[in-house]
């Protein structure tokens, strides 16, 4: 089945009517990673015995690699560590292709050397997997997240199957190349299981609970270097200290690491998962609408770009959670740059369900025009874009009310092609901000009102 959506997600592709705020997991994209990471510390500090048990399993599995390395099975430890270093099925990180790269043998060897070089790890192992970042260059949040996911992949499979059954997400027989066996303490190969898959390449997809995700790990090199590392006073007083200097210092000064870890544990209550989307504060929304209204129309001094940026930021927050922001994109029509804002239609609101039922709108496109007066060419542009891929419903966001001739052109599109294009002006945006501030009604009601007014203007 071809994908015609912009920035397609698993739920939208399968027609699941749930917004990101309504589900327990981070809804994965098909063509890019989610820029968040599994933070093992969130499992460690969780009140859930299940999460704590998973954290213990992750750390014990990793520490077993150190045991293998010390007992004459270093090659096997390196093999397992390389496998654990990348987990494409979860779709987390900063990759734009959803295909990561495993570490090499040299890097794996450097990691295992930490078990030998530092007494506490040789005798007791790691307490937190994230401590690796403080010793090895090239091990950062994405690598820690992938290792953690690989060691608890069996749980993630069960979790994914449960969520898919609950929501009605289709699954099919697929192959997991490597699955960690917690009883045998090794990876098994080619495990077949029923999971959701990416329709483009048939790769299996694993779902991740939102409560485990952060944009940066609680225990992290940058945090340590900025606020805790004492090596600038010991290594190069008054000079510049590099990342490599810090890593070398840490290997010979475990006391500094121990202090840092204890401080992070002591402040555990400040560690929370990061939401996948955060609305701007009310004051920011009010400032945005003031800035929009003060902008001149046209392109002088970049007014069109400023208008587009302000409206994008504003609409993404005003319409959440009824509409999840999908993307802002720039396209070219006859040499003219056009900014669109695209939203996923979750159909969780009766108005949005009506839009889907009547116009087939899986996604809602809003075209932004910082012009004093909407011209015929502007109507023609959005008309070309409102089609079977997106559905026959669109929004034209502009500064002022349309003149009678242009509004009549929208009615003609309805009469001839059953396309519905709603104009939204500065006044409408201001009203949406007022509702956003009062919290008594949804700003989406303004768009619904405009839709009803438009339909009343159209012939039956």
Protein backbone atom coordinates (compact mmCIF):
# COMPACT_ATOMS: atom_id res chain seq x y z
CA UNK A 1 0.00 0.00 0.00
CA UNK A 2 1.60 3.33 -1.03
CA UNK A 3 2.06 6.01 1.63
CA UNK A 4 0.49 9.33 0.57
CA UNK A 5 0.67 11.05 3.96
CA UNK A 6 3.13 13.75 4.96
CA UNK A 7 5.43 12.44 7.73
CA UNK A 8 3.36 9.24 8.04
CA UNK A 9 2.79 7.68 11.47
CA UNK A 10 1.81 4.12 12.35
CA UNK A 11 -1.64 4.98 13.71
CA UNK A 12 -2.68 7.36 10.94
CA UNK A 13 -1.61 4.96 8.22
CA UNK A 14 -3.88 2.27 9.66
CA UNK A 15 -6.79 4.60 10.36
CA UNK A 16 -6.48 4.44 14.16
CA UNK A 17 -8.34 7.44 15.62
CA UNK A 18 -6.09 8.16 18.60
CA UNK A 19 -4.00 11.25 19.24
CA UNK A 20 -0.52 11.13 20.73
CA UNK A 21 -1.91 12.37 24.05
CA UNK A 22 -4.34 9.43 24.24
CA UNK A 23 -1.94 6.51 23.86
CA UNK A 24 0.67 5.13 26.28
CA UNK A 25 3.45 4.90 23.70
CA UNK A 26 5.30 7.26 21.39
CA UNK A 27 3.62 6.93 17.99
CA UNK A 28 6.43 6.00 15.56
CA UNK A 29 7.05 7.59 12.18
CA UNK A 30 7.74 5.45 9.12
CA UNK A 31 10.47 7.58 7.55
CA UNK A 32 12.32 9.18 10.46
CA UNK A 33 13.27 8.62 14.09
CA UNK A 34 11.57 10.19 17.09
CA UNK A 35 14.19 12.60 18.56
CA UNK A 36 13.95 11.13 22.06
CA UNK A 37 15.81 8.39 23.94
CA UNK A 38 14.99 5.69 26.46
CA UNK A 39 16.54 6.88 29.71
CA UNK A 40 17.35 3.88 31.94
CA UNK A 41 17.34 6.21 34.95
CA UNK A 42 13.59 6.67 34.52
CA UNK A 43 13.18 2.91 34.91
CA UNK A 44 15.48 2.92 37.95
CA UNK A 45 13.52 5.69 39.73
CA UNK A 46 10.09 4.42 38.68
CA UNK A 47 7.63 3.30 41.41
CA UNK A 48 6.70 0.40 39.13
CA UNK A 49 8.25 -2.94 40.12
CA UNK A 50 8.11 -3.91 36.44
CA UNK A 51 10.24 -0.92 35.42
CA UNK A 52 12.70 -1.50 38.27
CA UNK A 53 12.99 -5.15 37.28
CA UNK A 54 13.67 -4.20 33.67
CA UNK A 55 16.37 -1.78 34.78
CA UNK A 56 18.01 -4.53 36.83
CA UNK A 57 17.84 -6.88 33.84
CA UNK A 58 19.46 -4.30 31.54
CA UNK A 59 22.34 -3.63 33.94
CA UNK A 60 22.88 -7.31 34.77
CA UNK A 61 22.94 -8.23 31.08
CA UNK A 62 25.51 -5.53 30.37
CA UNK A 63 27.64 -6.47 33.39
CA UNK A 64 27.63 -10.08 32.17
CA UNK A 65 29.62 -8.89 29.15
CA UNK A 66 32.32 -7.72 31.54
CA UNK A 67 32.29 -11.15 33.17
CA UNK A 68 32.66 -12.85 29.78
CA UNK A 69 35.57 -10.58 28.91
CA UNK A 70 37.36 -11.35 32.19
CA UNK A 71 36.88 -15.12 31.92
CA UNK A 72 38.47 -15.77 28.55
CA UNK A 73 35.40 -15.13 26.38
CA UNK A 74 36.25 -11.63 25.19
CA UNK A 75 35.39 -12.38 21.55
CA UNK A 76 31.90 -13.46 22.59
CA UNK A 77 31.50 -10.34 24.76
CA UNK A 78 32.53 -8.14 21.82
CA UNK A 79 30.08 -9.93 19.51
CA UNK A 80 27.18 -9.42 21.90
CA UNK A 81 28.07 -5.80 22.58
CA UNK A 82 28.17 -5.00 18.86
CA UNK A 83 24.73 -6.56 18.41
CA UNK A 84 23.35 -4.63 21.39
CA UNK A 85 24.66 -1.28 20.16
CA UNK A 86 21.88 -0.60 17.62
CA UNK A 87 18.11 -1.18 17.79
CA UNK A 88 16.45 0.02 14.58
CA UNK A 89 13.06 -1.44 15.50
CA UNK A 90 12.35 1.24 18.13
CA UNK A 91 12.89 4.23 15.83
CA UNK A 92 14.42 6.52 18.45
CA UNK A 93 17.28 8.95 17.96
CA UNK A 94 18.37 11.53 15.43
CA UNK A 95 18.61 9.50 12.23
CA UNK A 96 16.65 10.70 9.20
CA UNK A 97 16.72 7.24 7.62
CA UNK A 98 15.72 4.98 10.57
CA UNK A 99 18.84 2.92 9.87
CA UNK A 100 21.52 3.18 12.53
CA UNK A 101 25.08 1.87 12.60
CA UNK A 102 26.52 -0.55 15.12
CA UNK A 103 29.81 0.07 16.86
CA UNK A 104 32.97 -1.66 15.64
CA UNK A 105 35.19 -4.18 17.38
CA UNK A 106 37.65 -1.53 18.56
CA UNK A 107 34.93 0.53 20.24
CA UNK A 108 33.44 -2.58 21.82
CA UNK A 109 36.88 -3.50 23.12
CA UNK A 110 37.34 -0.02 24.61
CA UNK A 111 34.02 -0.36 26.45
CA UNK A 112 34.95 -3.76 27.87
CA UNK A 113 38.32 -2.39 28.98
CA UNK A 114 36.50 -0.18 31.50
CA UNK A 115 35.63 -3.34 33.47
CA UNK A 116 39.35 -4.07 33.78
CA UNK A 117 40.74 -0.60 34.29
CA UNK A 118 38.46 0.64 37.08
CA UNK A 119 38.36 -1.49 40.24
CA UNK A 120 34.73 -0.81 41.20
CA UNK A 121 33.44 -2.04 37.82
CA UNK A 122 35.70 -5.08 37.86
CA UNK A 123 34.44 -6.08 41.28
CA UNK A 124 30.80 -4.94 41.25
CA UNK A 125 29.90 -3.97 37.70
CA UNK A 126 27.95 -0.89 36.64
CA UNK A 127 25.00 0.43 38.63
CA UNK A 128 23.82 2.67 35.78
CA UNK A 129 24.44 1.89 32.13
CA UNK A 130 24.65 5.62 31.41
CA UNK A 131 27.99 5.85 33.24
CA UNK A 132 29.61 4.55 30.03
CA UNK A 133 29.29 8.05 28.53
CA UNK A 134 31.72 9.34 31.14
CA UNK A 135 34.56 7.06 29.99
CA UNK A 136 34.22 6.29 26.28
CA UNK A 137 34.22 8.77 23.41
CA UNK A 138 31.40 8.19 20.93
CA UNK A 139 29.00 6.67 23.46
CA UNK A 140 26.13 9.08 23.90
CA UNK A 141 22.38 9.13 24.55
CA UNK A 142 21.36 7.26 21.39
CA UNK A 143 23.83 4.44 22.03
CA UNK A 144 22.78 4.00 25.66
CA UNK A 145 19.13 4.00 24.60
CA UNK A 146 19.71 1.34 21.93
CA UNK A 147 21.67 -0.92 24.26
CA UNK A 148 18.93 -0.69 26.87
CA UNK A 149 16.24 -1.48 24.29
CA UNK A 150 18.11 -4.51 22.96
CA UNK A 151 18.52 -6.01 26.41
CA UNK A 152 14.78 -5.66 27.14
CA UNK A 153 13.54 -6.36 23.61
CA UNK A 154 11.55 -9.40 24.74
CA UNK A 155 9.46 -7.13 26.98
CA UNK A 156 9.07 -4.56 24.19
CA UNK A 157 7.71 -7.27 21.88
CA UNK A 158 5.06 -8.24 24.43
CA UNK A 159 4.24 -4.58 25.10
CA UNK A 160 3.90 -3.84 21.38
CA UNK A 161 1.62 -6.83 20.76
CA UNK A 162 -0.61 -5.79 23.68
CA UNK A 163 -0.89 -2.18 22.49
CA UNK A 164 -1.60 -3.25 18.91
CA UNK A 165 -4.37 -5.61 20.01
CA UNK A 166 -5.88 -2.92 22.22
CA UNK A 167 -6.00 -0.33 19.43
CA UNK A 168 -6.57 -2.62 16.46
CA UNK A 169 -3.21 -1.94 14.79
CA UNK A 170 -2.56 -4.69 12.21
CA UNK A 171 0.42 -6.98 12.76
CA UNK A 172 2.05 -9.51 10.47
CA UNK A 173 4.64 -12.24 10.73
CA UNK A 174 8.09 -10.72 10.72
CA UNK A 175 11.61 -11.57 11.83
CA UNK A 176 13.60 -10.10 14.70
CA UNK A 177 17.23 -10.68 13.78
CA UNK A 178 18.57 -10.66 17.34
CA UNK A 179 16.68 -11.28 20.57
CA UNK A 180 18.38 -11.32 23.97
CA UNK A 181 17.65 -14.48 25.98
CA UNK A 182 17.74 -13.46 29.63
CA UNK A 183 18.06 -17.09 30.79
CA UNK A 184 20.93 -18.03 28.47
CA UNK A 185 22.47 -14.53 28.70
CA UNK A 186 23.10 -14.32 25.00
CA UNK A 187 21.46 -13.19 21.76
CA UNK A 188 19.48 -15.67 19.69
CA UNK A 189 19.02 -15.10 15.96
CA UNK A 190 16.05 -14.98 13.58
CA UNK A 191 13.09 -14.95 15.93
CA UNK A 192 9.70 -14.87 14.15
CA UNK A 193 6.85 -12.90 15.76
CA UNK A 194 3.67 -10.99 14.89
CA UNK A 195 4.44 -7.24 14.98
CA UNK A 196 3.47 -4.08 13.11
CA UNK A 197 5.77 -3.38 10.19
CA UNK A 198 6.90 -0.40 8.14
CA UNK A 199 4.92 -0.70 4.88
CA UNK A 200 7.84 0.70 2.86
CA UNK A 201 10.45 -1.91 3.81
CA UNK A 202 8.57 -4.45 5.98
CA UNK A 203 10.91 -3.79 8.92
CA UNK A 204 9.37 -4.67 12.31
CA UNK A 205 8.31 -1.86 14.63
CA UNK A 206 8.54 -1.87 18.42
CA UNK A 207 6.57 0.58 20.56
CA UNK A 208 8.09 2.42 23.54
CA UNK A 209 6.23 3.72 26.63
CA UNK A 210 6.24 7.52 26.76
CA UNK A 211 7.15 7.46 30.45
CA UNK A 212 10.69 6.27 29.61
CA UNK A 213 11.62 8.97 27.10
CA UNK A 214 13.81 12.04 27.46
CA UNK A 215 15.53 14.41 25.06
CA UNK A 216 18.76 14.04 27.00
CA UNK A 217 19.65 11.46 29.61
CA UNK A 218 19.53 12.35 33.31
CA UNK A 219 23.07 11.02 33.69
CA UNK A 220 24.92 12.54 30.75
CA UNK A 221 28.41 13.66 29.79
CA UNK A 222 27.41 17.26 28.96
CA UNK A 223 25.63 17.63 32.29
CA UNK A 224 28.62 16.22 34.17
CA UNK A 225 31.12 18.39 32.26
CA UNK A 226 29.11 21.58 32.80
CA UNK A 227 28.23 21.27 36.47
CA UNK A 228 30.25 18.56 38.22
CA UNK A 229 33.58 17.76 36.55
CA UNK A 230 36.55 19.03 38.64
CA UNK A 231 39.22 18.25 36.05
CA UNK A 232 39.52 21.84 34.77
CA UNK A 233 41.16 22.74 38.07
CA UNK A 234 43.42 19.67 38.01
CA UNK A 235 44.25 18.98 34.37
CA UNK A 236 44.67 22.39 32.77
CA UNK A 237 43.98 25.22 35.23
CA UNK A 238 42.89 28.36 33.42
CA UNK A 239 42.97 26.64 30.04
CA UNK A 240 40.61 24.82 27.73
CA UNK A 241 39.70 21.26 28.69
CA UNK A 242 38.58 18.98 25.87
CA UNK A 243 36.14 16.08 25.95
CA UNK A 244 39.03 13.63 25.63
CA UNK A 245 40.79 15.29 28.60
CA UNK A 246 37.67 14.73 30.69
CA UNK A 247 37.31 11.09 29.67
CA UNK A 248 40.95 10.35 30.50
CA UNK A 249 40.60 12.14 33.83
CA UNK A 250 37.48 10.17 34.72
CA UNK A 251 39.17 6.80 34.16
CA UNK A 252 41.76 7.65 36.80
CA UNK A 253 39.45 9.48 39.20
CA UNK A 254 36.40 7.36 39.92
CA UNK A 255 35.66 9.45 43.01
CA UNK A 256 34.46 12.32 40.79
CA UNK A 257 32.10 9.97 38.96
CA UNK A 258 30.84 8.43 42.19
CA UNK A 259 30.01 11.89 43.57
CA UNK A 260 28.18 12.84 40.37
CA UNK A 261 26.11 9.64 40.31
CA UNK A 262 25.14 10.01 43.97
CA UNK A 263 24.06 13.60 43.35
CA UNK A 264 21.91 12.56 40.39
CA UNK A 265 20.35 9.78 42.48
CA UNK A 266 19.74 12.18 45.36
CA UNK A 267 17.85 14.52 43.01
CA UNK A 268 15.88 11.71 41.39
CA UNK A 269 12.54 13.43 42.00
CA UNK A 270 13.53 16.12 39.50
CA UNK A 271 13.94 13.57 36.73
CA UNK A 272 10.82 13.32 34.55
CA UNK A 273 10.07 12.09 31.09
CA UNK A 274 9.89 14.69 28.33
CA UNK A 275 6.56 15.11 26.53
CA UNK A 276 6.61 14.55 22.80
CA UNK A 277 5.02 17.97 22.29
CA UNK A 278 4.86 20.96 24.61
CA UNK A 279 2.39 23.79 24.10
CA UNK A 280 3.66 27.34 24.36
CA UNK A 281 2.53 29.28 27.48
CA UNK A 282 -0.50 31.56 27.29
CA UNK A 283 1.68 34.68 27.53
CA UNK A 284 3.74 33.47 24.58
CA UNK A 285 0.58 32.84 22.56
CA UNK A 286 -0.66 36.36 23.33
CA UNK A 287 2.70 37.81 22.30
CA UNK A 288 2.64 35.83 19.06
CA UNK A 289 -0.76 37.20 18.03
CA UNK A 290 0.40 40.74 18.86
CA UNK A 291 3.46 40.24 16.68
CA UNK A 292 1.34 38.84 13.86
CA UNK A 293 -1.08 41.76 13.94
CA UNK A 294 1.78 44.28 13.94
CA UNK A 295 3.43 42.79 10.85
CA UNK A 296 2.96 44.52 7.50
CA UNK A 297 1.58 42.42 4.67
CA UNK A 298 3.87 41.38 1.85
CA UNK A 299 7.53 40.38 1.82
CA UNK A 300 9.37 43.56 2.84
CA UNK A 301 11.97 43.00 5.59
CA UNK A 302 11.07 39.32 5.67
CA UNK A 303 7.55 39.98 6.94
CA UNK A 304 6.19 36.95 5.10
CA UNK A 305 8.70 34.62 6.75
CA UNK A 306 8.05 36.08 10.19
CA UNK A 307 4.31 35.69 9.66
CA UNK A 308 4.70 32.06 8.63
CA UNK A 309 6.94 31.27 11.61
CA UNK A 310 4.61 32.92 14.12
CA UNK A 311 1.50 31.25 12.71
CA UNK A 312 3.17 27.81 12.64
CA UNK A 313 4.20 28.08 16.29
CA UNK A 314 0.80 29.42 17.30
CA UNK A 315 -1.41 26.91 15.50
CA UNK A 316 0.61 23.92 16.68
CA UNK A 317 -0.17 24.84 20.29
CA UNK A 318 -3.69 26.21 19.85
CA UNK A 319 -5.00 23.10 18.13
CA UNK A 320 -3.29 20.54 20.41
CA UNK A 321 -4.41 17.91 21.44
CA UNK A 322 -7.34 17.89 19.00
CA UNK A 323 -4.87 18.04 16.12
CA UNK A 324 -1.31 16.69 16.34
CA UNK A 325 1.19 18.83 14.44
CA UNK A 326 2.67 16.82 11.57
CA UNK A 327 5.01 19.14 9.70
CA UNK A 328 5.61 22.51 8.19
CA UNK A 329 6.85 22.29 4.66
CA UNK A 330 7.92 24.63 1.91
CA UNK A 331 6.91 23.81 -1.62
CA UNK A 332 7.37 25.69 -4.87
CA UNK A 333 4.60 26.55 -7.30
CA UNK A 334 5.64 28.44 -10.45
CA UNK A 335 8.75 29.68 -8.70
CA UNK A 336 6.83 30.95 -5.66
CA UNK A 337 7.67 29.60 -2.21
CA UNK A 338 4.57 28.48 -0.33
CA UNK A 339 4.47 27.53 3.36
CA UNK A 340 2.06 24.85 4.49
CA UNK A 341 1.25 23.58 7.95
CA UNK A 342 0.06 19.97 8.06
CA UNK A 343 -1.82 18.32 10.93
CA UNK A 344 -2.77 14.72 11.59
CA UNK A 345 -6.53 14.34 11.73
CA UNK A 346 -7.01 12.15 14.80
CA UNK A 347 -10.81 12.34 14.45
CA UNK A 348 -11.15 12.56 18.23
CA UNK A 349 -13.46 15.60 17.95
CA UNK A 350 -16.89 15.37 16.33
CA UNK A 351 -15.99 18.20 13.94
CA UNK A 352 -12.80 16.45 12.85
CA UNK A 353 -14.65 13.19 12.33
CA UNK A 354 -17.14 15.03 10.12
CA UNK A 355 -14.26 16.47 8.09
CA UNK A 356 -12.87 12.99 7.56
CA UNK A 357 -16.22 11.42 6.73
CA UNK A 358 -17.25 14.15 4.28
CA UNK A 359 -13.91 15.01 2.66
CA UNK A 360 -11.61 12.04 3.31
CA UNK A 361 -9.10 14.23 5.17
CA UNK A 362 -6.56 12.01 6.93
CA UNK A 363 -4.43 15.12 7.23
CA UNK A 364 -5.44 18.77 7.26
CA UNK A 365 -3.40 21.26 5.25
CA UNK A 366 -3.28 24.95 6.11
CA UNK A 367 -1.69 27.31 3.61
CA UNK A 368 -0.28 30.59 4.95
CA UNK A 369 -0.54 33.87 3.02
CA UNK A 370 0.75 37.16 4.41
CA UNK A 371 -1.09 39.27 1.86
CA UNK A 372 -3.39 42.26 2.17
CA UNK A 373 -5.85 40.72 -0.24
CA UNK A 374 -6.20 37.11 -1.38
CA UNK A 375 -5.97 36.88 -5.16
CA UNK A 376 -7.24 34.28 -7.60
CA UNK A 377 -3.79 32.66 -7.86
CA UNK A 378 -3.79 32.04 -4.09
CA UNK A 379 -7.09 30.19 -4.31
CA UNK A 380 -5.77 28.20 -7.29
CA UNK A 381 -2.67 27.19 -5.31
CA UNK A 382 -4.51 25.68 -2.36
CA UNK A 383 -7.09 24.18 -4.73
CA UNK A 384 -4.32 22.16 -6.41
CA UNK A 385 -3.10 20.95 -3.05
CA UNK A 386 -6.48 19.92 -1.63
CA UNK A 387 -6.81 16.57 -3.38
CA UNK A 388 -7.33 12.86 -2.79
CA UNK A 389 -3.98 12.49 -0.98
CA UNK A 390 -4.84 14.93 1.81
CA UNK A 391 -8.58 15.06 1.38
CA UNK A 392 -10.82 17.79 0.00
CA UNK A 393 -10.66 20.05 3.05
CA UNK A 394 -8.13 22.84 3.56
CA UNK A 395 -7.59 26.08 5.45
CA UNK A 396 -6.33 29.33 3.95
CA UNK A 397 -4.71 31.36 6.75
CA UNK A 398 -4.42 35.00 5.75
CA UNK A 399 -4.58 38.48 7.21
CA UNK A 400 -8.01 39.84 6.26
CA UNK A 401 -11.46 38.72 5.22
CA UNK A 402 -11.73 37.67 1.60
CA UNK A 403 -13.34 39.99 -0.90
CA UNK A 404 -16.73 38.85 -2.23
CA UNK A 405 -15.29 37.59 -5.55
CA UNK A 406 -12.65 35.43 -3.85
CA UNK A 407 -15.13 34.03 -1.35
CA UNK A 408 -17.42 33.25 -4.24
CA UNK A 409 -14.55 31.32 -5.86
CA UNK A 410 -14.38 29.09 -2.77
CA UNK A 411 -18.11 28.49 -2.97
CA UNK A 412 -17.73 27.56 -6.65
CA UNK A 413 -15.12 24.98 -5.71
CA UNK A 414 -17.65 23.50 -3.33
CA UNK A 415 -20.37 23.49 -5.94
CA UNK A 416 -18.24 22.00 -8.70
CA UNK A 417 -15.82 19.68 -6.90
CA UNK A 418 -17.15 19.40 -3.33
CA UNK A 419 -13.93 20.90 -2.01
CA UNK A 420 -14.10 22.87 1.22
CA UNK A 421 -11.53 25.63 1.79
CA UNK A 422 -12.01 27.74 4.93
CA UNK A 423 -10.40 31.20 5.32
CA UNK A 424 -8.89 32.01 8.73
CA UNK A 425 -7.89 35.60 9.50
CA UNK A 426 -5.97 37.57 12.14
CA UNK A 427 -9.27 38.16 13.95
CA UNK A 428 -9.97 34.42 14.03
CA UNK A 429 -6.48 33.66 15.35
CA UNK A 430 -6.95 36.26 18.08
CA UNK A 431 -10.23 34.63 19.09
CA UNK A 432 -8.48 31.25 19.22
CA UNK A 433 -5.85 32.72 21.54
CA UNK A 434 -8.62 34.09 23.79
CA UNK A 435 -10.13 30.59 24.08
CA UNK A 436 -6.66 29.15 24.69
CA UNK A 437 -6.25 31.56 27.61
CA UNK A 438 -9.69 30.94 29.11
CA UNK A 439 -9.45 27.12 28.83
CA UNK A 440 -13.25 27.00 28.83
CA UNK A 441 -13.57 25.93 25.20
CA UNK A 442 -11.25 24.54 22.55
CA UNK A 443 -9.67 26.95 20.03
CA UNK A 444 -10.74 24.37 17.46
CA UNK A 445 -14.28 25.68 17.95
CA UNK A 446 -13.30 28.80 16.00
CA UNK A 447 -12.40 26.69 12.97
CA UNK A 448 -15.64 24.75 13.41
CA UNK A 449 -17.61 28.03 13.47
CA UNK A 450 -15.93 29.18 10.26
CA UNK A 451 -16.76 25.85 8.66
CA UNK A 452 -20.43 26.10 9.61
CA UNK A 453 -20.59 29.65 8.27
CA UNK A 454 -19.04 28.54 5.00
CA UNK A 455 -21.41 25.60 4.57
CA UNK A 456 -24.39 27.88 5.15
CA UNK A 457 -23.14 30.05 2.29
CA UNK A 458 -22.97 27.09 -0.09
CA UNK A 459 -25.85 25.75 -2.17
CA UNK A 460 -27.33 22.45 -0.98
